[in-house]
Amino acid sequence: MQKIKKILTAGLLSMMVLPVFADTPETSSVEQQKVIPEEKFFTKFQGTYIGQLKPAFNAPYSGDNSLLPRRETGYSGSLTAFLGYRPWADGELHINPEVIQLGSFSALHGLGGLTNAEQQKTSGRKPKSYRARAFFRQTFGLGGGQDAVESSQLQLGGMADRRRLVITAGNFSVLDIFDNNTYAHDPRTQFLNWSFFTHGSYDYAGDARGYTNGAALEYYHDDWALRVGRFMGPRESNGLALDSRLSIHHGDQIEIERSHTLSGQPGKVRFLAFRNRENMGNFTDAIAFAQANGGVPDVGNVRRDNVKVGFGVNVEQSFRSDMGVFARANWADGKSETYSFTEVENSVSAGLVIKGQRWGRPNDTLGLAVARNGLNRPHRDYLALGGLGAFIGDGRLSYRPERIAEMYYSIHLFGTNSMTLGYQRIANPAYNADRGPVNVFSLRLHTEF
C-alpha cells in the first residue's frame, strides 16, 4: 500500500513540475499545422469478434464464484453504428446502436482481471441489441489559437480553440471522457484484459454494459485539461437498471491532465480521483453480521448508503513515431463491495506498444503489458471466511496479489481490417495462491469503416 501511495504522489508531483511545452492535450505540433474543414455529419461502423481458449489448470478446490479449472472456450461478437450530426457550430449529437453476443468463461467469475473487456455482465449467447450511447456535446471556444480535431467514432472533425470549455451530457460511458490512454484504452484494438483498458480499481459508475447517464465538463488551457463529471450508478450492484436519484446516489470524478514533450516526443500525465455514494454492503459489517447471526458473510445482508473513494495516475509516453509506453497506478478504499466494475482495489500496470515499421509491417502492432492487482484487508477477510463478491469467491483464500501478463500481435489484413493473436498468463487467479496459473489464448477479428 505504501509503495502504491508513493507512486501516486510522485505522479501528481510530476504533473506540477513538468515544464510547459507547445504541444496540446489532443494533438502534436505537426497536427497543429493542419486545417480541417468542419464535419457536418458521419456514419461509421465497427465489428469485433473475439474467441478465447482456456486450457485446464490446477485447482485443489473451487467455490461458487470460482474460475472453473476445466478447459473452456469463450467468445464475444459486437456490431456498433456511430451516427454523428452537427446541428449548429460547435454542437454535436451522437447516437450509437449496438448488438452484442457472447459466451464467457465460468459465467464471468473467478478473476479480478477478467480476460475479455468486450464481455458484459448481462449479455449471453443470444444477440442483444440496445442503444449504447445518445449524447450531446457543446464546445465553447476561448481563444489561444486553434487545433485540428480529427474525426473519430465519437468526435466530429474540425478546428477547435486550444482554450475551450466542453460540455457532454446524456447516455455514454464514463471512459469516453476519463482515463484515456493512447496505448491501453480500447479492447477492440488493443489489450483485452480488464486490468489494462482503465484503472483496475476504478469502480466507475455504469450499468452492467458499462454505460450510464450523466454529464461532464472539460476545460482545456494550452497543455492542461481539467475534467469533472457526475453520473448515475446502477440501482443494485452490477445491475442493468440505473438509479436516477443523482442527488442521493452518484459517481463523481475529477481528472487533471498535463501534456508535455520529452526529447521531442509527446506524452501525457493524468491524475484521477473518484467518489461513489451507493447502497453498498460493507465487508466489515458483513463479517460482524455473520458472527452475530451465523453463516458466511454476505454483503447483501448489510447494504446501506456507503461511500467509496479512489485515485490513480495514468502516464503515456512516445519514444519514437513507432513506439510508446504506458503505466497506471491506482488505489480504492476497499471497504465496500464492487458496484459497477471489477474486484480490484489496488493495481499497478505498465506496457510497451511497437508498430511494425522495423520489420517491414508498418500497420502491424505488437503489445506487451503486465499488471499486479490486489485487495485491501477487509475484502481479503471477507473472502477468506467464504464470502462471495460480484465476480470472485473460492470459498476460502490463500491471499496473494493477482499477477497478469498479456501479449498481442495485431496483423493488418487490408483496408481497416485486422486480425490479432493474443496470450494472457494469470498467476493467483482471484488472489488465491492455491489455484492456477491460468493461460488464455485469443483470436480477435476487427473491422471499422
Protein backbone atom coordinates (compact mmCIF):
# COMPACT_ATOMS: atom_id res chain seq x y z
CA MET A 1 0.00 0.00 0.00
CA GLN A 2 2.79 2.46 0.92
CA LYS A 3 4.53 1.74 -2.40
CA ILE A 4 1.36 2.47 -4.34
CA LYS A 5 0.75 5.71 -2.44
CA LYS A 6 4.34 6.81 -3.14
CA ILE A 7 3.87 6.09 -6.87
CA LEU A 8 0.63 8.09 -6.95
CA THR A 9 2.19 11.01 -5.05
CA ALA A 10 5.17 11.05 -7.41
CA GLY A 11 2.86 11.07 -10.41
CA LEU A 12 0.89 14.04 -9.07
CA LEU A 13 4.08 15.96 -8.32
CA SER A 14 5.39 15.28 -11.81
CA MET A 15 2.32 16.98 -13.25
CA MET A 16 3.15 20.09 -11.26
CA VAL A 17 6.83 20.31 -12.17
CA LEU A 18 6.91 19.30 -15.84
CA PRO A 19 7.89 22.35 -17.91
CA VAL A 20 5.41 23.93 -20.27
CA PHE A 21 5.77 22.91 -23.91
CA ALA A 22 3.91 23.85 -27.06
CA ASP A 23 2.00 20.59 -27.59
CA THR A 24 -1.71 20.49 -26.83
CA PRO A 25 -3.70 17.94 -24.86
CA GLU A 26 -5.05 16.45 -28.07
CA THR A 27 -2.57 16.95 -30.92
CA SER A 28 1.12 17.02 -31.70
CA SER A 29 2.94 20.06 -33.16
CA VAL A 30 2.56 18.52 -36.62
CA GLU A 31 -1.19 18.18 -36.21
CA GLN A 32 -1.43 21.81 -35.06
CA GLN A 33 -0.47 22.90 -38.58
CA LYS A 34 -3.46 21.13 -40.12
CA VAL A 35 -6.64 22.91 -41.09
CA ILE A 36 -9.63 20.55 -41.10
CA PRO A 37 -13.00 21.64 -42.52
CA GLU A 38 -15.92 21.35 -40.14
CA GLU A 39 -17.56 17.94 -40.43
CA LYS A 40 -21.36 18.16 -40.58
CA PHE A 41 -22.24 14.51 -40.08
CA PHE A 42 -20.90 10.97 -40.35
CA THR A 43 -21.95 7.33 -40.28
CA LYS A 44 -19.30 4.88 -39.08
CA PHE A 45 -19.40 1.21 -38.12
CA GLN A 46 -17.27 -1.29 -36.23
CA GLY A 47 -17.42 -5.05 -35.88
CA THR A 48 -15.32 -7.16 -33.49
CA TYR A 49 -15.17 -10.90 -32.86
CA ILE A 50 -13.01 -12.30 -30.04
CA GLY A 51 -12.55 -16.03 -29.46
CA GLN A 52 -10.67 -17.36 -26.42
CA LEU A 53 -9.40 -20.72 -25.17
CA LYS A 54 -8.52 -21.51 -21.55
CA PRO A 55 -6.79 -24.90 -21.04
CA ALA A 56 -7.36 -26.78 -17.79
CA PHE A 57 -5.34 -25.60 -14.79
CA ASN A 58 -4.57 -26.79 -11.27
CA ALA A 59 -7.15 -26.05 -8.54
CA PRO A 60 -7.42 -28.20 -5.37
CA TYR A 61 -10.81 -26.64 -4.58
CA SER A 62 -13.39 -24.31 -6.13
CA GLY A 63 -16.25 -22.16 -4.83
CA ASP A 64 -19.47 -20.77 -6.25
CA ASN A 65 -17.68 -17.86 -7.92
CA SER A 66 -14.50 -19.64 -9.00
CA LEU A 67 -12.97 -19.81 -12.43
CA LEU A 68 -13.66 -23.40 -13.43
CA PRO A 69 -10.42 -25.43 -13.64
CA ARG A 70 -11.52 -27.40 -16.69
CA ARG A 71 -10.83 -26.45 -20.31
CA GLU A 72 -13.20 -23.70 -21.50
CA THR A 73 -13.83 -21.64 -24.61
CA GLY A 74 -15.40 -18.19 -24.73
CA TYR A 75 -16.22 -15.58 -27.33
CA SER A 76 -17.80 -12.18 -27.95
CA GLY A 77 -19.13 -10.52 -31.08
CA SER A 78 -20.19 -6.88 -31.32
CA LEU A 79 -21.51 -4.56 -34.03
CA THR A 80 -21.82 -0.82 -33.45
CA ALA A 81 -23.08 2.07 -35.58
CA PHE A 82 -21.69 5.54 -34.84
CA LEU A 83 -24.01 8.31 -36.02
CA GLY A 84 -22.82 11.89 -35.58
CA TYR A 85 -24.52 15.16 -36.57
CA ARG A 86 -23.65 18.83 -36.06
CA PRO A 87 -26.90 20.83 -35.63
CA TRP A 88 -25.04 24.14 -35.27
CA ALA A 89 -21.49 25.45 -34.89
CA ASP A 90 -19.57 23.66 -32.12
CA GLY A 91 -22.54 21.46 -31.25
CA GLU A 92 -22.67 17.66 -31.75
CA LEU A 93 -25.27 14.92 -31.43
CA HIS A 94 -24.18 11.26 -31.28
CA ILE A 95 -26.20 8.03 -31.25
CA ASN A 96 -24.72 4.51 -31.16
CA PRO A 97 -26.97 1.46 -31.66
CA GLU A 98 -25.14 -1.73 -30.72
CA VAL A 99 -25.59 -5.52 -30.91
CA ILE A 100 -23.58 -7.99 -28.83
CA GLN A 101 -23.46 -11.75 -28.35
CA LEU A 102 -21.10 -13.66 -26.07
CA GLY A 103 -20.18 -16.76 -24.13
CA SER A 104 -17.86 -16.21 -21.18
CA PHE A 105 -15.53 -18.34 -19.09
CA SER A 106 -17.25 -19.63 -15.91
CA ALA A 107 -20.18 -17.19 -16.23
CA LEU A 108 -17.72 -14.29 -15.90
CA HIS A 109 -16.45 -15.45 -12.48
CA GLY A 110 -13.12 -16.23 -10.91
CA LEU A 111 -10.81 -13.33 -11.81
CA GLY A 112 -10.12 -9.74 -10.79
CA GLY A 113 -8.56 -9.05 -14.18
CA LEU A 114 -11.09 -10.69 -16.49
CA THR A 115 -9.78 -11.80 -19.87
CA ASN A 116 -12.08 -10.11 -22.41
CA ALA A 117 -13.13 -6.49 -21.86
CA GLU A 118 -15.74 -6.73 -24.61
CA GLN A 119 -17.80 -9.07 -22.45
CA GLN A 120 -20.70 -7.73 -20.40
CA LYS A 121 -22.41 -8.92 -17.25
CA THR A 122 -25.92 -9.31 -18.71
CA SER A 123 -25.36 -10.49 -22.28
CA GLY A 124 -25.42 -14.12 -23.41
CA ARG A 125 -25.43 -16.47 -26.37
CA LYS A 126 -28.44 -14.81 -27.96
CA PRO A 127 -27.74 -11.48 -29.71
CA LYS A 128 -28.94 -8.44 -27.76
CA SER A 129 -29.48 -5.04 -29.32
CA TYR A 130 -29.61 -1.80 -27.37
CA ARG A 131 -28.67 1.86 -27.53
CA ALA A 132 -25.12 2.16 -26.26
CA ARG A 133 -24.93 5.97 -26.42
CA ALA A 134 -27.12 9.00 -27.11
CA PHE A 135 -25.39 12.20 -26.04
CA PHE A 136 -24.95 15.89 -26.83
CA ARG A 137 -21.68 17.84 -26.81
CA GLN A 138 -21.23 21.61 -26.93
CA THR A 139 -17.86 23.35 -27.24
CA PHE A 140 -17.29 26.99 -26.26
CA GLY A 141 -14.13 28.47 -27.80
CA LEU A 142 -11.99 30.73 -25.59
CA GLY A 143 -9.15 31.60 -27.97
CA GLY A 144 -5.46 30.78 -27.69
CA GLY A 145 -5.06 29.61 -31.29
CA GLN A 146 -6.61 26.54 -32.84
CA ASP A 147 -6.02 22.79 -33.04
CA ALA A 148 -7.12 20.32 -35.67
CA VAL A 149 -9.50 17.77 -34.11
CA GLU A 150 -9.55 14.61 -36.20
CA SER A 151 -12.81 12.81 -36.92
CA SER A 152 -13.27 9.67 -34.81
CA GLN A 153 -16.11 7.38 -33.81
CA LEU A 154 -17.26 9.75 -31.06
CA GLN A 155 -15.97 13.08 -32.41
CA LEU A 156 -16.86 15.17 -35.46
CA GLY A 157 -13.77 16.60 -37.14
CA GLY A 158 -12.95 20.30 -37.37
CA MET A 159 -10.98 23.09 -35.73
CA ALA A 160 -11.18 23.88 -32.01
CA ASP A 161 -9.69 26.61 -29.85
CA ARG A 162 -6.77 25.48 -27.71
CA ARG A 163 -8.54 27.12 -24.79
CA ARG A 164 -12.09 25.87 -24.63
CA LEU A 165 -14.91 24.61 -22.48
CA VAL A 166 -16.66 21.35 -23.48
CA ILE A 167 -19.92 20.07 -22.02
CA THR A 168 -21.04 16.49 -22.70
CA ALA A 169 -24.40 15.24 -21.42
CA GLY A 170 -26.62 12.22 -22.00
CA ASN A 171 -26.09 8.48 -22.25
CA PHE A 172 -22.47 7.35 -22.74
CA SER A 173 -19.55 5.72 -20.89
CA VAL A 174 -17.53 7.46 -18.19
CA LEU A 175 -14.46 6.12 -20.00
CA ASP A 176 -15.40 8.11 -23.11
CA ILE A 177 -14.23 11.16 -21.15
CA PHE A 178 -11.99 9.99 -18.29
CA ASP A 179 -8.77 7.94 -18.04
CA ASN A 180 -7.95 7.87 -21.73
CA ASN A 181 -4.62 6.42 -22.87
CA THR A 182 -3.22 6.21 -26.39
CA TYR A 183 -1.79 2.71 -25.87
CA ALA A 184 -4.23 0.99 -23.49
CA HIS A 185 -7.88 2.01 -23.64
CA ASP A 186 -9.73 0.11 -26.39
CA PRO A 187 -10.12 -3.70 -26.10
CA ARG A 188 -11.40 -3.85 -29.67
CA THR A 189 -7.93 -2.98 -31.00
CA GLN A 190 -5.53 -3.05 -28.02
CA PHE A 191 -5.12 -5.10 -24.81
CA LEU A 192 -8.03 -7.37 -23.87
CA ASN A 193 -7.66 -7.83 -20.11
CA TRP A 194 -9.80 -5.64 -17.85
CA SER A 195 -6.63 -4.63 -15.97
CA PHE A 196 -5.32 -2.60 -18.91
CA PHE A 197 -8.09 -0.56 -20.55
CA THR A 198 -8.59 1.55 -17.40
CA HIS A 199 -7.54 1.62 -13.75
CA GLY A 200 -8.31 -1.77 -12.21
CA SER A 201 -9.66 -0.16 -9.04
CA TYR A 202 -11.74 2.49 -10.90
CA ASP A 203 -15.27 1.45 -9.90
CA TYR A 204 -16.63 3.94 -12.43
CA ALA A 205 -20.39 4.48 -12.49
CA GLY A 206 -22.16 2.45 -15.15
CA ASP A 207 -24.75 -0.21 -15.80
CA ALA A 208 -23.91 -3.86 -16.45
CA ARG A 209 -22.93 -2.92 -20.03
CA GLY A 210 -20.62 -0.12 -18.87
CA TYR A 211 -22.84 2.83 -19.93
CA THR A 212 -24.51 5.49 -17.81
CA ASN A 213 -26.41 8.78 -17.82
CA GLY A 214 -24.79 11.97 -16.63
CA ALA A 215 -22.73 14.99 -17.60
CA ALA A 216 -19.09 16.02 -17.79
CA LEU A 217 -17.41 19.40 -18.04
CA GLU A 218 -13.95 19.72 -19.61
CA TYR A 219 -11.71 22.79 -19.62
CA TYR A 220 -8.69 22.88 -21.95
CA HIS A 221 -6.00 25.52 -21.47
CA ASP A 222 -2.98 25.03 -23.72
CA ASP A 223 -1.19 21.92 -22.34
CA TRP A 224 -3.56 21.43 -19.40
CA ALA A 225 -7.00 19.87 -19.17
CA LEU A 226 -9.41 19.64 -16.23
CA ARG A 227 -12.42 17.30 -16.26
CA VAL A 228 -15.26 16.87 -13.75
CA GLY A 229 -18.38 14.75 -14.01
CA ARG A 230 -21.33 13.23 -12.15
CA PHE A 231 -23.00 10.03 -13.34
CA MET A 232 -25.68 7.52 -12.38
CA GLY A 233 -24.71 4.18 -10.90
CA PRO A 234 -26.83 1.03 -11.06
CA ARG A 235 -29.76 0.58 -8.68
CA GLU A 236 -28.11 -2.56 -7.34
CA SER A 237 -24.58 -3.92 -7.52
CA ASN A 238 -23.60 -4.66 -11.14
CA GLY A 239 -27.20 -4.34 -12.31
CA LEU A 240 -28.56 -3.04 -15.61
CA ALA A 241 -31.13 -0.50 -14.35
CA LEU A 242 -29.67 2.89 -13.40
CA ASP A 243 -30.50 4.85 -10.25
CA SER A 244 -31.79 8.26 -11.44
CA ARG A 245 -31.62 9.87 -7.96
CA LEU A 246 -28.42 11.78 -8.71
CA SER A 247 -28.67 13.91 -5.58
CA ILE A 248 -28.62 10.76 -3.41
CA HIS A 249 -26.61 8.11 -5.29
CA HIS A 250 -23.96 9.06 -7.81
CA GLY A 251 -20.43 8.61 -9.08
CA ASP A 252 -18.29 11.78 -9.09
CA GLN A 253 -14.87 12.12 -10.71
CA ILE A 254 -12.26 14.76 -11.35
CA GLU A 255 -9.22 14.45 -13.60
CA ILE A 256 -6.25 16.72 -14.29
CA GLU A 257 -4.22 16.14 -17.45
CA ARG A 258 -0.84 17.59 -18.39
CA SER A 259 0.62 17.23 -21.89
CA HIS A 260 4.36 17.53 -22.49
CA THR A 261 7.19 16.61 -24.82
CA LEU A 262 10.22 14.55 -23.84
CA SER A 263 13.15 14.51 -26.28
CA GLY A 264 10.77 15.82 -28.92
CA GLN A 265 8.17 13.07 -28.34
CA PRO A 266 4.67 13.68 -26.92
CA GLY A 267 3.47 12.33 -23.59
CA LYS A 268 0.74 12.89 -21.01
CA VAL A 269 0.23 12.50 -17.29
CA ARG A 270 -3.25 12.27 -15.78
CA PHE A 271 -4.35 12.27 -12.16
CA LEU A 272 -7.86 10.93 -11.44
CA ALA A 273 -9.93 10.84 -8.24
CA PHE A 274 -13.42 9.40 -7.85
CA ARG A 275 -16.07 9.24 -5.11
CA ASN A 276 -19.12 6.96 -5.30
CA ARG A 277 -22.14 7.12 -3.00
CA GLU A 278 -24.26 3.98 -3.38
CA ASN A 279 -26.38 1.48 -1.46
CA MET A 280 -23.39 -0.82 -0.87
CA GLY A 281 -22.60 -3.61 1.56
CA ASN A 282 -19.55 -3.03 3.77
CA PHE A 283 -17.21 -6.03 4.21
CA THR A 284 -16.57 -5.43 7.92
CA ASP A 285 -20.31 -5.07 8.55
CA ALA A 286 -20.96 -8.33 6.68
CA ILE A 287 -18.39 -10.21 8.79
CA ALA A 288 -19.86 -8.82 12.03
CA PHE A 289 -23.39 -9.77 10.91
CA ALA A 290 -22.30 -13.35 10.17
CA GLN A 291 -20.53 -13.65 13.52
CA ALA A 292 -23.67 -12.48 15.33
CA ASN A 293 -26.21 -14.47 13.31
CA GLY A 294 -24.28 -17.44 11.94
CA GLY A 295 -23.48 -18.42 8.37
CA VAL A 296 -20.93 -16.98 5.98
CA PRO A 297 -20.53 -13.23 5.43
CA ASP A 298 -22.82 -11.75 2.77
CA VAL A 299 -22.74 -8.07 1.80
CA GLY A 300 -26.37 -8.43 0.71
CA ASN A 301 -27.37 -8.54 4.39
CA VAL A 302 -25.85 -5.19 5.32
CA ARG A 303 -26.41 -2.85 2.38
CA ARG A 304 -26.85 0.81 3.24
CA ASP A 305 -25.63 4.13 1.87
CA ASN A 306 -21.82 3.99 1.84
CA VAL A 307 -19.08 5.99 0.16
CA LYS A 308 -16.17 4.60 -1.85
CA VAL A 309 -13.19 6.77 -2.86
CA GLY A 310 -10.19 6.09 -5.04
CA PHE A 311 -7.50 7.75 -7.12
CA GLY A 312 -4.93 6.92 -9.77
CA VAL A 313 -2.12 8.15 -12.00
CA ASN A 314 -2.04 7.39 -15.74
CA VAL A 315 1.11 8.03 -17.82
CA GLU A 316 1.80 7.62 -21.53
CA GLN A 317 4.97 8.46 -23.42
CA SER A 318 6.04 8.11 -27.04
CA PHE A 319 9.71 7.26 -27.58
CA ARG A 320 9.63 7.21 -31.39
CA SER A 321 6.93 7.51 -34.02
CA ASP A 322 6.59 3.70 -33.86
CA MET A 323 6.99 3.04 -30.11
CA GLY A 324 5.34 4.12 -26.86
CA VAL A 325 4.88 3.05 -23.25
CA PHE A 326 2.13 3.43 -20.67
CA ALA A 327 1.74 2.93 -16.92
CA ARG A 328 -1.07 3.20 -14.38
CA ALA A 329 -1.06 3.06 -10.57
CA ASN A 330 -4.32 3.23 -8.61
CA TRP A 331 -5.98 2.59 -5.26
CA ALA A 332 -9.53 2.45 -3.86
CA ASP A 333 -10.52 2.20 -0.19
CA GLY A 334 -11.83 -1.39 -0.45
CA LYS A 335 -14.32 -1.08 2.41
CA SER A 336 -17.43 -1.86 0.35
CA GLU A 337 -18.46 -4.20 -2.44
CA THR A 338 -17.70 -3.62 -6.11
CA TYR A 339 -20.66 -1.80 -7.60
CA SER A 340 -20.01 -1.20 -11.30
CA PHE A 341 -16.62 -2.51 -12.41
CA THR A 342 -14.42 -5.40 -11.23
CA GLU A 343 -12.98 -6.66 -7.94
CA VAL A 344 -9.63 -4.86 -7.79
CA GLU A 345 -8.71 -2.37 -5.05
CA ASN A 346 -5.10 -1.55 -5.85
CA SER A 347 -3.28 -2.08 -9.10
CA VAL A 348 -0.07 -1.23 -10.92
CA SER A 349 0.23 -1.86 -14.67
CA ALA A 350 2.69 -1.00 -17.43
CA GLY A 351 3.22 -1.85 -21.06
CA LEU A 352 5.02 -1.29 -24.35
CA VAL A 353 3.46 -0.91 -27.82
CA ILE A 354 5.53 -1.13 -31.02
CA LYS A 355 4.41 -0.59 -34.60
CA GLY A 356 5.83 -2.96 -37.22
CA GLN A 357 7.93 -0.46 -39.20
CA ARG A 358 11.17 -2.13 -38.11
CA TRP A 359 10.25 -5.45 -39.73
CA GLY A 360 8.52 -4.06 -42.83
CA ARG A 361 4.93 -4.23 -41.48
CA PRO A 362 4.17 -0.58 -40.56
CA ASN A 363 0.47 -1.24 -39.94
CA ASP A 364 1.03 -4.20 -37.60
CA THR A 365 1.22 -3.68 -33.82
CA LEU A 366 2.94 -5.61 -31.04
CA GLY A 367 1.80 -5.03 -27.45
CA LEU A 368 3.30 -6.28 -24.17
CA ALA A 369 1.92 -5.47 -20.70
CA VAL A 370 1.98 -6.64 -17.08
CA ALA A 371 -0.29 -5.88 -14.11
CA ARG A 372 -0.35 -6.59 -10.37
CA ASN A 373 -3.82 -6.44 -8.80
CA GLY A 374 -4.53 -6.52 -5.07
CA LEU A 375 -7.28 -6.41 -2.45
CA ASN A 376 -7.38 -4.43 0.77
CA ARG A 377 -7.63 -6.18 4.15
CA PRO A 378 -11.44 -6.04 4.74
CA HIS A 379 -12.13 -7.65 1.35
CA ARG A 380 -9.49 -10.36 1.93
CA ASP A 381 -11.00 -11.27 5.31
CA TYR A 382 -14.48 -11.45 3.77
CA LEU A 383 -13.35 -13.88 1.06
CA ALA A 384 -11.28 -15.98 3.44
CA LEU A 385 -14.44 -16.61 5.51
CA GLY A 386 -16.34 -17.85 2.43
CA GLY A 387 -17.96 -14.60 1.30
CA LEU A 388 -18.86 -14.08 -2.38
CA GLY A 389 -18.40 -10.96 -4.45
CA ALA A 390 -19.81 -9.96 -7.81
CA PHE A 391 -17.06 -11.89 -9.63
CA ILE A 392 -14.90 -13.81 -7.16
CA GLY A 393 -15.24 -16.19 -4.22
CA ASP A 394 -13.43 -19.54 -4.00
CA GLY A 395 -14.93 -20.46 -0.62
CA ARG A 396 -11.61 -19.76 1.09
CA LEU A 397 -8.49 -17.78 0.31
CA SER A 398 -4.72 -18.13 0.42
CA TYR A 399 -4.10 -14.49 -0.47
CA ARG A 400 -1.53 -13.32 -2.95
CA PRO A 401 -1.79 -10.47 -5.44
CA GLU A 402 -3.11 -11.42 -8.86
CA ARG A 403 -0.38 -11.09 -11.50
CA ILE A 404 -1.20 -10.77 -15.20
CA ALA A 405 0.93 -10.67 -18.33
CA GLU A 406 -0.57 -10.07 -21.78
CA MET A 407 0.95 -10.06 -25.25
CA TYR A 408 -0.78 -9.40 -28.58
CA TYR A 409 0.22 -9.07 -32.21
CA SER A 410 -2.21 -7.26 -34.49
CA ILE A 411 -1.84 -8.17 -38.17
CA HIS A 412 -3.11 -5.66 -40.71
CA LEU A 413 -5.04 -7.53 -43.38
CA PHE A 414 -6.40 -4.94 -45.82
CA GLY A 415 -8.17 -1.59 -45.58
CA THR A 416 -9.33 -1.19 -41.97
CA ASN A 417 -9.43 -4.91 -41.23
CA SER A 418 -7.10 -6.64 -38.77
CA MET A 419 -6.55 -9.99 -37.07
CA THR A 420 -4.95 -10.16 -33.62
CA LEU A 421 -3.32 -13.13 -31.90
CA GLY A 422 -3.09 -12.82 -28.11
CA TYR A 423 -1.87 -14.61 -25.00
CA GLN A 424 -2.51 -13.97 -21.29
CA ARG A 425 -0.97 -15.66 -18.25
CA ILE A 426 -2.62 -15.09 -14.87
CA ALA A 427 -0.95 -16.14 -11.62
CA ASN A 428 -3.02 -16.36 -8.42
CA PRO A 429 -6.43 -16.02 -10.11
CA ALA A 430 -8.89 -14.20 -7.82
CA TYR A 431 -5.95 -13.54 -5.45
CA ASN A 432 -5.69 -17.20 -4.50
CA ALA A 433 -2.22 -18.80 -4.41
CA ASP A 434 -3.83 -22.27 -4.21
CA ARG A 435 -5.18 -22.02 -7.78
CA GLY A 436 -3.62 -21.54 -11.20
CA PRO A 437 -1.71 -20.30 -13.05
CA VAL A 438 -4.19 -19.73 -15.90
CA ASN A 439 -3.28 -19.48 -19.59
CA VAL A 440 -5.59 -17.86 -22.15
CA PHE A 441 -5.17 -17.79 -25.94
CA SER A 442 -7.11 -15.26 -28.03
CA LEU A 443 -8.04 -14.56 -31.64
CA ARG A 444 -9.59 -11.20 -32.50
CA LEU A 445 -11.03 -10.05 -35.85
CA HIS A 446 -11.83 -6.36 -36.18
CA THR A 447 -13.18 -4.07 -38.88
CA GLU A 448 -14.28 -0.46 -38.94
CA PHE A 449 -15.42 1.85 -41.70
